[in-house]
Protein backbone atom coordinates (compact mmCIF):
# COMPACT_ATOMS: atom_id res chain seq x y z
CA MET A 1 102.13 -7.54 81.42
CA LYS A 2 102.59 -11.30 81.45
CA LYS A 3 100.92 -13.36 84.12
CA ALA A 4 103.19 -15.52 86.25
CA THR A 5 101.84 -19.05 86.04
CA GLY A 6 104.44 -21.28 87.59
CA ASN A 7 104.39 -23.38 84.42
CA GLN A 8 107.77 -24.30 83.01
CA LYS A 9 108.85 -23.96 79.42
CA PHE A 10 110.43 -27.09 77.96
CA SER A 11 111.58 -28.39 74.59
CA CYS A 12 111.77 -31.79 72.94
CA GLU A 13 113.76 -32.63 69.81
CA TYR A 14 112.95 -35.42 67.37
CA VAL A 15 114.80 -36.50 64.24
CA ILE A 16 112.19 -37.06 61.54
CA LYS A 17 113.43 -38.92 58.46
CA THR A 18 111.54 -36.86 55.90
CA SER A 19 112.00 -33.64 53.97
CA PRO A 20 111.40 -30.33 55.74
CA VAL A 21 108.71 -29.50 53.13
CA ILE A 22 106.68 -32.61 53.93
CA LEU A 23 107.13 -32.09 57.68
CA TRP A 24 106.00 -28.47 57.33
CA GLU A 25 102.72 -29.62 55.76
CA MET A 26 102.13 -32.00 58.69
CA ILE A 27 102.68 -29.34 61.38
CA SER A 28 101.10 -26.27 59.77
CA SER A 29 97.96 -27.34 57.91
CA PRO A 30 94.66 -28.47 59.43
CA SER A 31 94.72 -31.65 57.31
CA GLY A 32 98.30 -32.45 58.32
CA LEU A 33 97.66 -31.81 62.02
CA ALA A 34 94.51 -33.97 61.87
CA GLU A 35 96.64 -36.91 60.77
CA TRP A 36 98.67 -37.10 63.98
CA PHE A 37 97.97 -34.35 66.51
CA ALA A 38 94.17 -34.36 66.87
CA ASN A 39 91.20 -36.28 65.51
CA ASP A 40 90.03 -33.22 63.60
CA VAL A 41 91.40 -29.72 63.01
CA ASP A 42 89.44 -26.80 61.60
CA GLN A 43 90.92 -23.40 60.80
CA ARG A 44 88.99 -20.13 60.92
CA GLY A 45 91.34 -17.29 60.15
CA LYS A 46 94.06 -17.34 62.80
CA GLU A 47 92.13 -19.74 65.03
CA PHE A 48 92.62 -23.50 64.89
CA ILE A 49 89.99 -25.70 66.53
CA PHE A 50 91.51 -29.02 67.63
CA THR A 51 89.11 -31.86 68.42
CA TRP A 52 89.91 -35.04 70.33
CA ASP A 53 86.98 -37.44 70.57
CA ARG A 54 84.18 -35.02 71.53
CA GLU A 55 86.28 -32.35 73.20
CA SER A 56 87.50 -29.27 71.35
CA GLN A 57 90.10 -26.70 72.23
CA THR A 58 90.91 -23.55 70.27
CA ALA A 59 94.37 -22.11 69.71
CA ARG A 60 95.33 -18.87 68.02
CA LEU A 61 98.16 -18.77 65.51
CA VAL A 62 100.58 -16.29 67.09
CA GLY A 63 103.74 -16.81 65.06
CA LEU A 64 104.78 -18.27 61.74
CA GLU A 65 107.73 -18.30 59.43
CA GLU A 66 107.02 -20.43 56.37
CA GLU A 67 108.76 -23.83 56.51
CA GLN A 68 110.60 -22.79 59.71
CA TYR A 69 108.22 -22.60 62.67
CA ILE A 70 104.59 -22.26 63.68
CA ARG A 71 103.50 -21.09 67.13
CA PHE A 72 100.07 -21.44 68.73
CA GLN A 73 98.56 -20.19 71.97
CA TRP A 74 95.59 -21.94 73.53
CA LEU A 75 92.85 -19.36 74.09
CA ASP A 76 92.63 -20.36 77.77
CA SER A 77 96.42 -20.24 78.34
CA PRO A 78 98.11 -17.49 80.33
CA ALA A 79 99.84 -14.73 78.38
CA GLY A 80 103.33 -15.74 77.31
CA GLU A 81 102.57 -19.47 77.11
CA PHE A 82 102.45 -21.22 73.75
CA PHE A 83 103.33 -24.39 71.92
CA GLU A 84 105.60 -24.28 68.92
CA PHE A 85 106.77 -26.60 66.19
CA ARG A 86 110.14 -25.62 64.71
CA ILE A 87 111.99 -27.34 61.87
CA ASP A 88 115.77 -27.42 61.83
CA VAL A 89 118.15 -29.20 59.48
CA THR A 90 121.44 -30.25 61.02
CA ASP A 91 124.60 -29.05 59.31
CA ILE A 92 126.66 -32.21 59.60
CA THR A 93 124.15 -35.01 59.01
CA ASN A 94 121.50 -33.01 57.11
CA ASP A 95 118.82 -34.60 59.34
CA THR A 96 115.43 -32.92 59.67
CA VAL A 97 114.76 -32.16 63.32
CA LEU A 98 111.40 -31.18 64.80
CA ILE A 99 111.78 -29.07 67.93
CA ILE A 100 108.67 -28.75 70.09
CA THR A 101 108.44 -26.05 72.74
CA ASP A 102 105.60 -26.22 75.25
CA PHE A 103 104.72 -25.37 78.86
CA ALA A 104 103.75 -27.67 81.74
CA LYS A 105 103.32 -27.57 85.49
CA PRO A 106 106.60 -28.50 87.24
CA GLY A 107 105.21 -31.81 88.54
CA GLU A 108 103.85 -32.73 85.11
CA LEU A 109 106.94 -32.18 82.93
CA GLU A 110 107.66 -35.90 82.51
CA ASP A 111 104.03 -36.61 81.58
CA ALA A 112 104.07 -33.76 79.06
CA ARG A 113 107.25 -35.12 77.46
CA MET A 114 105.74 -38.61 77.29
CA LEU A 115 102.62 -37.20 75.62
CA TRP A 116 104.77 -35.49 72.99
CA ASP A 117 106.71 -38.74 72.50
CA GLN A 118 103.40 -40.50 71.77
CA GLN A 119 102.26 -37.75 69.41
CA ILE A 120 105.55 -37.86 67.49
CA HIS A 121 105.27 -41.65 67.27
CA GLN A 122 101.92 -41.08 65.52
CA LEU A 123 103.49 -38.46 63.23
CA LYS A 124 106.30 -40.83 62.23
CA LYS A 125 103.77 -43.60 61.66
CA ARG A 126 101.72 -41.37 59.36
CA LEU A 127 104.86 -40.36 57.48
CA GLY A 128 105.93 -44.01 57.16
CA VAL A 129 109.29 -43.35 58.81
CA LEU A 130 109.08 -45.71 61.80
């Protein structure tokens, strides 16, 4: 049974001017994630340890479809909450779109979106697509 948390699910979409294959490497591998998402990322089986400065947080890989999406759940998150990176390619313009799904407290949704905006800015910078 899933715990009711009061946290709200939200999504953000970003057009990333790169190939889906390159983007997949940046969102699914420890080395790619360490370039923009955290200072360091270590993988041990299905667990990813993300380190920012001197603080670490562990997430379990809970879903994956190669070059389509990767879904993580923080070990201290309530059941049913996750964060996901999904790649989509638009039909008309053939743009690569990164869709991020996450959860936040209702009063912190705007802050959570701004944090993702900053993270994606770093991703684009690393990819050289700014």
